């Protein structure tokens, strides 16, 4: 088994210890070095270079963003950002994503035992996803895998889509590499565009900062979804981290329900949950697009959208950071067509 080698860079000795303990439980991951700040990390990188860097963004002597930019300029390497669950941490982490990081995890704050129980799988999957990342486009199961729950036991399958209306809906689902991909798509859209609902796998509080950043860049309005928000032309709603988002219909109009619920496919929000609700309530009125990401979340939901009469697409392999979710959707026959990232905005606008 090929080992994924990891370097941990964080100014907290406790955090380094917790992260190292979590990763060393995984048979395919090896922590080869740790460092308390970027300057120490640079010294160690002269001797050994990891497959993946796990990096704090707020550190003394040299901040994580400057360090990340230096790494990407000298020797591009997959980076997972380890950030505090704060507004400032969220904003800084999004700067890191824009600088080339591939995903975000939240820093352990509840102690070793709690982190091992709640977030070990998330950390391991983030490292694996980063190791698979195509940076030009930016074995054995883990020992601590929580049970994978699909959506059937929580959200009933649609028996029949509701009747067609004049309102059009576009549903997007993405994960690793999705922050950069969504920025490319949404910033290219004209102000007059269909209503869009989005699930991007991202921790709680980070989605609000992400939506605000996109809103400042786009012609359309972009915001984190609130319960009962209307889905209207010229607006993109992003599911809040830590909540599921479902599409609902009232008469000829659409709105979203934002709610708690179990982790579906180990995610909350889940792309499958959104896509199933779109299949049920929009049917032929909808277009579904599954984009870059690791795992299979969204594949079944996209197939249900297709069966309900929606147009369905998968981002092509060449433009994905990680060709996981689109690949699973194609294997299931859920996507009628593949499309390069740079053409997705044209599909939506048309």
Foldseek 3Di string as FASTA:
>chain_A
DAAQEEEEEALDPQLVVLLQVLQVQFPRYHHPYYYNHLVVVVVVVVPPDGQEYEYEQCHPPDGPQVSLLVCCVPPDHAYEYEFALDLVRLLSVVSSLVSQHFYYDYGDDPHNVVCLQQPSVVSNVSSVLSSQFDSVQCPDDGPSDDDAAACVVPDPFAPAADDADPAAEEEEEEEGSVLSLVLLQQQPAAQFFGFYEYEYFHAAPNQQSSQVVSCVRHSAHGGAADAFAWRGTSYYYYHGHQWEWEWADDVRTIGIGTGHDDQHSNGVHFLLRHLSRCLHYHQLRYEYEYEADADATNLVSLQSSVVSNYAYEYEDPVNHRHCHNSVNNVVVVSHPYYDHSNCVNVVRRD
